[in-house]
Amino acid sequence: MISKNEMPDCPVATTVKLIGSKWKLLILRNLLVRPWRFNELKNNLSPVSHKVLAESLRSMENDAIISRKVYETKPRSVEYSLTELGISLKPVLLEMEKWGIFYKTQKI
């Protein structure tokens, strides 16, 4: 988790630091719909590498945005879902979606 001392003064910069990578945003987009398993995310977000996906998930888990649940099955299964804090990002992502749709309609 980012300590208060490490957080930028600017609230927008803080948000970017927490969720600003391409893969984190797409992971959040998926987790807003339902919990996902690691391999499901990897397949859906292709061409994300195993390493980058694992690092992104670990980072968001450390920042309390997502939770990780391990099922003791053979083979072991792990499921990721949003925490309450993660769910609070929904309006941000919906606005990004709206803006993306708007941008696509512009004659540039």
N, C-alpha and C. Protein backbone atom coordinates (compact mmCIF):
# COMPACT_ATOMS: atom_id res chain seq x y z
N MET A 1 0.84 -1.18 0.00
CA MET A 1 0.00 0.00 0.00
C MET A 1 0.89 1.24 0.00
N ILE A 2 0.47 2.23 -0.74
CA ILE A 2 1.21 3.48 -0.78
C ILE A 2 1.01 4.21 0.54
N SER A 3 2.11 4.60 1.17
CA SER A 3 2.00 5.33 2.43
C SER A 3 1.59 6.76 2.15
N LYS A 4 1.08 7.41 3.17
CA LYS A 4 0.66 8.81 3.01
C LYS A 4 1.82 9.68 2.55
N ASN A 5 3.04 9.37 3.00
CA ASN A 5 4.21 10.16 2.61
C ASN A 5 4.57 9.98 1.15
N GLU A 6 4.22 8.82 0.56
CA GLU A 6 4.56 8.55 -0.83
C GLU A 6 3.51 9.06 -1.81
N MET A 7 2.34 9.43 -1.30
CA MET A 7 1.28 9.89 -2.18
C MET A 7 1.57 11.29 -2.68
N PRO A 8 1.35 11.50 -3.98
CA PRO A 8 1.54 12.86 -4.52
C PRO A 8 0.56 13.84 -3.89
N ASP A 9 0.91 15.10 -3.90
CA ASP A 9 0.00 16.14 -3.39
C ASP A 9 -1.26 16.23 -4.23
N CYS A 10 -1.11 16.02 -5.52
CA CYS A 10 -2.24 16.14 -6.45
C CYS A 10 -3.11 14.88 -6.39
N PRO A 11 -4.42 15.02 -6.14
CA PRO A 11 -5.31 13.86 -6.07
C PRO A 11 -5.38 13.08 -7.39
N VAL A 12 -5.28 13.79 -8.52
CA VAL A 12 -5.29 13.10 -9.81
C VAL A 12 -4.04 12.24 -9.95
N ALA A 13 -2.90 12.77 -9.52
CA ALA A 13 -1.65 12.01 -9.57
C ALA A 13 -1.71 10.79 -8.66
N THR A 14 -2.38 10.91 -7.52
CA THR A 14 -2.55 9.77 -6.61
C THR A 14 -3.35 8.67 -7.31
N THR A 15 -4.44 9.06 -7.96
CA THR A 15 -5.27 8.08 -8.67
C THR A 15 -4.48 7.41 -9.78
N VAL A 16 -3.73 8.20 -10.53
CA VAL A 16 -2.91 7.64 -11.61
C VAL A 16 -1.86 6.69 -11.05
N LYS A 17 -1.28 7.03 -9.93
CA LYS A 17 -0.27 6.16 -9.32
C LYS A 17 -0.88 4.81 -8.93
N LEU A 18 -2.12 4.83 -8.47
CA LEU A 18 -2.77 3.59 -8.01
C LEU A 18 -3.34 2.75 -9.15
N ILE A 19 -3.94 3.38 -10.15
CA ILE A 19 -4.63 2.59 -11.19
C ILE A 19 -4.27 3.02 -12.60
N GLY A 20 -3.22 3.79 -12.76
CA GLY A 20 -2.94 4.42 -14.04
C GLY A 20 -2.35 3.55 -15.13
N SER A 21 -2.01 2.31 -14.86
CA SER A 21 -1.45 1.51 -15.95
C SER A 21 -2.56 0.94 -16.82
N LYS A 22 -2.21 0.68 -18.06
CA LYS A 22 -3.16 0.10 -19.02
C LYS A 22 -3.77 -1.18 -18.46
N TRP A 23 -2.95 -2.05 -17.92
CA TRP A 23 -3.45 -3.35 -17.47
C TRP A 23 -4.30 -3.23 -16.22
N LYS A 24 -3.94 -2.35 -15.31
CA LYS A 24 -4.76 -2.19 -14.10
C LYS A 24 -6.16 -1.70 -14.45
N LEU A 25 -6.25 -0.77 -15.36
CA LEU A 25 -7.56 -0.27 -15.76
C LEU A 25 -8.41 -1.37 -16.40
N LEU A 26 -7.79 -2.19 -17.23
CA LEU A 26 -8.54 -3.26 -17.87
C LEU A 26 -8.91 -4.37 -16.89
N ILE A 27 -8.04 -4.63 -15.93
CA ILE A 27 -8.37 -5.59 -14.87
C ILE A 27 -9.58 -5.07 -14.09
N LEU A 28 -9.56 -3.81 -13.72
CA LEU A 28 -10.68 -3.21 -12.99
C LEU A 28 -11.96 -3.28 -13.80
N ARG A 29 -11.86 -2.99 -15.09
CA ARG A 29 -13.03 -3.08 -15.97
C ARG A 29 -13.66 -4.46 -15.87
N ASN A 30 -12.84 -5.50 -15.93
CA ASN A 30 -13.35 -6.86 -15.86
C ASN A 30 -13.93 -7.18 -14.49
N LEU A 31 -13.22 -6.77 -13.43
CA LEU A 31 -13.67 -7.11 -12.08
C LEU A 31 -14.93 -6.35 -11.68
N LEU A 32 -15.26 -5.28 -12.38
CA LEU A 32 -16.52 -4.59 -12.10
C LEU A 32 -17.72 -5.47 -12.48
N VAL A 33 -17.51 -6.39 -13.39
CA VAL A 33 -18.59 -7.26 -13.86
C VAL A 33 -18.77 -8.46 -12.93
N ARG A 34 -17.64 -9.08 -12.52
CA ARG A 34 -17.69 -10.29 -11.70
C ARG A 34 -16.28 -10.63 -11.24
N PRO A 35 -16.16 -11.54 -10.27
CA PRO A 35 -14.83 -12.04 -9.91
C PRO A 35 -14.24 -12.86 -11.06
N TRP A 36 -12.93 -12.80 -11.19
CA TRP A 36 -12.22 -13.52 -12.25
C TRP A 36 -11.08 -14.33 -11.65
N ARG A 37 -10.77 -15.45 -12.28
CA ARG A 37 -9.59 -16.24 -11.94
C ARG A 37 -8.42 -15.72 -12.76
N PHE A 38 -7.22 -16.01 -12.28
CA PHE A 38 -6.00 -15.51 -12.91
C PHE A 38 -5.96 -15.85 -14.40
N ASN A 39 -6.13 -17.13 -14.73
CA ASN A 39 -6.02 -17.54 -16.14
C ASN A 39 -7.12 -16.94 -17.01
N GLU A 40 -8.29 -16.72 -16.44
CA GLU A 40 -9.35 -16.05 -17.20
C GLU A 40 -8.91 -14.64 -17.56
N LEU A 41 -8.35 -13.93 -16.58
CA LEU A 41 -7.87 -12.57 -16.84
C LEU A 41 -6.76 -12.59 -17.88
N LYS A 42 -5.82 -13.51 -17.72
CA LYS A 42 -4.70 -13.59 -18.65
C LYS A 42 -5.19 -13.82 -20.07
N ASN A 43 -6.13 -14.74 -20.25
CA ASN A 43 -6.66 -15.03 -21.58
C ASN A 43 -7.45 -13.85 -22.14
N ASN A 44 -8.23 -13.18 -21.30
CA ASN A 44 -9.06 -12.07 -21.74
C ASN A 44 -8.22 -10.84 -22.08
N LEU A 45 -7.12 -10.66 -21.37
CA LEU A 45 -6.30 -9.46 -21.53
C LEU A 45 -5.08 -9.70 -22.41
N SER A 46 -5.10 -10.77 -23.16
CA SER A 46 -3.98 -11.07 -24.05
C SER A 46 -3.65 -9.83 -24.87
N PRO A 47 -2.44 -9.41 -24.96
CA PRO A 47 -1.16 -10.08 -24.77
C PRO A 47 -0.45 -9.77 -23.45
N VAL A 48 -1.17 -9.51 -22.35
CA VAL A 48 -0.49 -9.24 -21.08
C VAL A 48 0.37 -10.45 -20.70
N SER A 49 1.56 -10.17 -20.19
CA SER A 49 2.43 -11.27 -19.77
C SER A 49 2.02 -11.75 -18.38
N HIS A 50 2.38 -12.96 -18.06
CA HIS A 50 2.10 -13.55 -16.76
C HIS A 50 2.68 -12.66 -15.65
N LYS A 51 3.92 -12.22 -15.86
CA LYS A 51 4.62 -11.39 -14.87
C LYS A 51 3.90 -10.06 -14.63
N VAL A 52 3.53 -9.38 -15.70
CA VAL A 52 2.89 -8.06 -15.57
C VAL A 52 1.52 -8.21 -14.91
N LEU A 53 0.76 -9.24 -15.30
CA LEU A 53 -0.54 -9.45 -14.69
C LEU A 53 -0.40 -9.74 -13.21
N ALA A 54 0.53 -10.61 -12.85
CA ALA A 54 0.75 -10.95 -11.44
C ALA A 54 1.17 -9.72 -10.64
N GLU A 55 2.07 -8.91 -11.19
CA GLU A 55 2.53 -7.70 -10.51
C GLU A 55 1.39 -6.69 -10.34
N SER A 56 0.57 -6.55 -11.38
CA SER A 56 -0.55 -5.61 -11.32
C SER A 56 -1.57 -6.05 -10.27
N LEU A 57 -1.89 -7.34 -10.26
CA LEU A 57 -2.83 -7.86 -9.26
C LEU A 57 -2.27 -7.71 -7.85
N ARG A 58 -1.01 -8.04 -7.67
CA ARG A 58 -0.38 -7.94 -6.36
C ARG A 58 -0.38 -6.49 -5.87
N SER A 59 -0.08 -5.57 -6.77
CA SER A 59 -0.05 -4.15 -6.42
C SER A 59 -1.44 -3.67 -5.99
N MET A 60 -2.46 -4.03 -6.76
CA MET A 60 -3.81 -3.59 -6.40
C MET A 60 -4.31 -4.28 -5.14
N GLU A 61 -3.86 -5.49 -4.89
CA GLU A 61 -4.21 -6.17 -3.63
C GLU A 61 -3.54 -5.45 -2.46
N ASN A 62 -2.27 -5.09 -2.61
CA ASN A 62 -1.56 -4.34 -1.56
C ASN A 62 -2.18 -2.98 -1.29
N ASP A 63 -2.78 -2.39 -2.32
CA ASP A 63 -3.43 -1.09 -2.18
C ASP A 63 -4.89 -1.20 -1.75
N ALA A 64 -5.33 -2.43 -1.45
CA ALA A 64 -6.69 -2.72 -0.95
C ALA A 64 -7.79 -2.43 -1.97
N ILE A 65 -7.44 -2.47 -3.25
CA ILE A 65 -8.42 -2.24 -4.31
C ILE A 65 -9.09 -3.56 -4.71
N ILE A 66 -8.33 -4.64 -4.68
CA ILE A 66 -8.88 -5.95 -4.99
C ILE A 66 -8.56 -6.91 -3.86
N SER A 67 -9.31 -8.02 -3.83
CA SER A 67 -9.01 -9.08 -2.86
C SER A 67 -8.74 -10.36 -3.63
N ARG A 68 -7.98 -11.22 -3.01
CA ARG A 68 -7.56 -12.49 -3.60
C ARG A 68 -8.05 -13.60 -2.70
N LYS A 69 -8.79 -14.53 -3.29
CA LYS A 69 -9.30 -15.67 -2.53
C LYS A 69 -8.72 -16.95 -3.12
N VAL A 70 -8.10 -17.75 -2.25
CA VAL A 70 -7.48 -19.00 -2.68
C VAL A 70 -8.42 -20.14 -2.34
N TYR A 71 -8.70 -20.98 -3.34
CA TYR A 71 -9.50 -22.19 -3.14
C TYR A 71 -8.55 -23.37 -3.09
N GLU A 72 -8.64 -24.15 -2.03
CA GLU A 72 -7.75 -25.31 -1.86
C GLU A 72 -8.29 -26.50 -2.66
N THR A 73 -8.13 -26.41 -3.95
CA THR A 73 -8.52 -27.48 -4.86
C THR A 73 -7.26 -27.99 -5.54
N LYS A 74 -7.38 -29.05 -6.28
CA LYS A 74 -6.25 -29.57 -7.06
C LYS A 74 -6.61 -29.43 -8.53
N PRO A 75 -5.94 -28.63 -9.32
CA PRO A 75 -4.93 -27.67 -8.90
C PRO A 75 -5.57 -26.50 -8.14
N ARG A 76 -4.74 -25.84 -7.36
CA ARG A 76 -5.21 -24.71 -6.56
C ARG A 76 -5.78 -23.62 -7.47
N SER A 77 -6.84 -23.00 -7.02
CA SER A 77 -7.51 -21.97 -7.80
C SER A 77 -7.53 -20.66 -7.01
N VAL A 78 -7.31 -19.56 -7.70
CA VAL A 78 -7.31 -18.23 -7.08
C VAL A 78 -8.31 -17.36 -7.82
N GLU A 79 -9.10 -16.62 -7.07
CA GLU A 79 -10.11 -15.74 -7.65
C GLU A 79 -9.89 -14.33 -7.13
N TYR A 80 -10.02 -13.37 -8.03
CA TYR A 80 -9.84 -11.96 -7.68
C TYR A 80 -11.18 -11.24 -7.79
N SER A 81 -11.42 -10.34 -6.85
CA SER A 81 -12.63 -9.54 -6.88
C SER A 81 -12.32 -8.16 -6.31
N LEU A 82 -13.23 -7.23 -6.53
CA LEU A 82 -13.04 -5.87 -6.02
C LEU A 82 -13.42 -5.80 -4.54
N THR A 83 -12.69 -5.01 -3.81
CA THR A 83 -13.05 -4.68 -2.43
C THR A 83 -14.06 -3.53 -2.49
N GLU A 84 -14.56 -3.12 -1.35
CA GLU A 84 -15.45 -1.94 -1.32
C GLU A 84 -14.72 -0.72 -1.88
N LEU A 85 -13.46 -0.59 -1.54
CA LEU A 85 -12.66 0.52 -2.07
C LEU A 85 -12.56 0.42 -3.59
N GLY A 86 -12.35 -0.78 -4.10
CA GLY A 86 -12.28 -0.98 -5.54
C GLY A 86 -13.59 -0.67 -6.23
N ILE A 87 -14.70 -1.08 -5.61
CA ILE A 87 -16.03 -0.80 -6.17
C ILE A 87 -16.26 0.71 -6.26
N SER A 88 -15.67 1.46 -5.35
CA SER A 88 -15.85 2.92 -5.38
C SER A 88 -15.23 3.56 -6.62
N LEU A 89 -14.42 2.81 -7.37
CA LEU A 89 -13.84 3.31 -8.62
C LEU A 89 -14.80 3.21 -9.81
N LYS A 90 -15.93 2.56 -9.61
CA LYS A 90 -16.87 2.36 -10.72
C LYS A 90 -17.25 3.65 -11.43
N PRO A 91 -17.62 4.72 -10.71
CA PRO A 91 -17.97 5.96 -11.42
C PRO A 91 -16.81 6.51 -12.27
N VAL A 92 -15.60 6.33 -11.80
CA VAL A 92 -14.43 6.81 -12.55
C VAL A 92 -14.33 6.05 -13.87
N LEU A 93 -14.45 4.73 -13.81
CA LEU A 93 -14.34 3.92 -15.02
C LEU A 93 -15.52 4.15 -15.97
N LEU A 94 -16.71 4.36 -15.41
CA LEU A 94 -17.86 4.64 -16.27
C LEU A 94 -17.68 5.97 -17.01
N GLU A 95 -17.13 6.97 -16.34
CA GLU A 95 -16.87 8.25 -17.00
C GLU A 95 -15.79 8.09 -18.08
N MET A 96 -14.79 7.27 -17.82
CA MET A 96 -13.77 7.01 -18.84
C MET A 96 -14.40 6.33 -20.05
N GLU A 97 -15.32 5.41 -19.80
CA GLU A 97 -16.01 4.73 -20.89
C GLU A 97 -16.84 5.73 -21.71
N LYS A 98 -17.59 6.58 -21.02
CA LYS A 98 -18.40 7.60 -21.71
C LYS A 98 -17.53 8.51 -22.56
N TRP A 99 -16.40 8.93 -21.99
CA TRP A 99 -15.52 9.83 -22.73
C TRP A 99 -14.93 9.10 -23.94
N GLY A 100 -14.58 7.84 -23.79
CA GLY A 100 -14.06 7.06 -24.91
C GLY A 100 -15.06 6.94 -26.04
N ILE A 101 -16.33 6.72 -25.69
CA ILE A 101 -17.39 6.66 -26.69
C ILE A 101 -17.54 8.01 -27.39
N PHE A 102 -17.54 9.10 -26.59
CA PHE A 102 -17.62 10.45 -27.14
C PHE A 102 -16.46 10.73 -28.09
N TYR A 103 -15.25 10.39 -27.67
CA TYR A 103 -14.06 10.65 -28.48
C TYR A 103 -14.15 9.95 -29.83
N LYS A 104 -14.65 8.74 -29.83
CA LYS A 104 -14.76 7.97 -31.09
C LYS A 104 -15.71 8.63 -32.08
N THR A 105 -16.64 9.46 -31.60
CA THR A 105 -17.59 10.12 -32.50
C THR A 105 -17.04 11.42 -33.08
N GLN A 106 -15.91 11.89 -32.57
CA GLN A 106 -15.37 13.17 -33.01
C GLN A 106 -14.67 13.05 -34.37
N LYS A 107 -14.84 14.05 -35.19
CA LYS A 107 -14.18 14.12 -36.50
C LYS A 107 -12.85 14.86 -36.31
N ILE A 108 -11.83 14.12 -36.10
CA ILE A 108 -10.52 14.73 -35.83
C ILE A 108 -9.58 14.49 -36.99
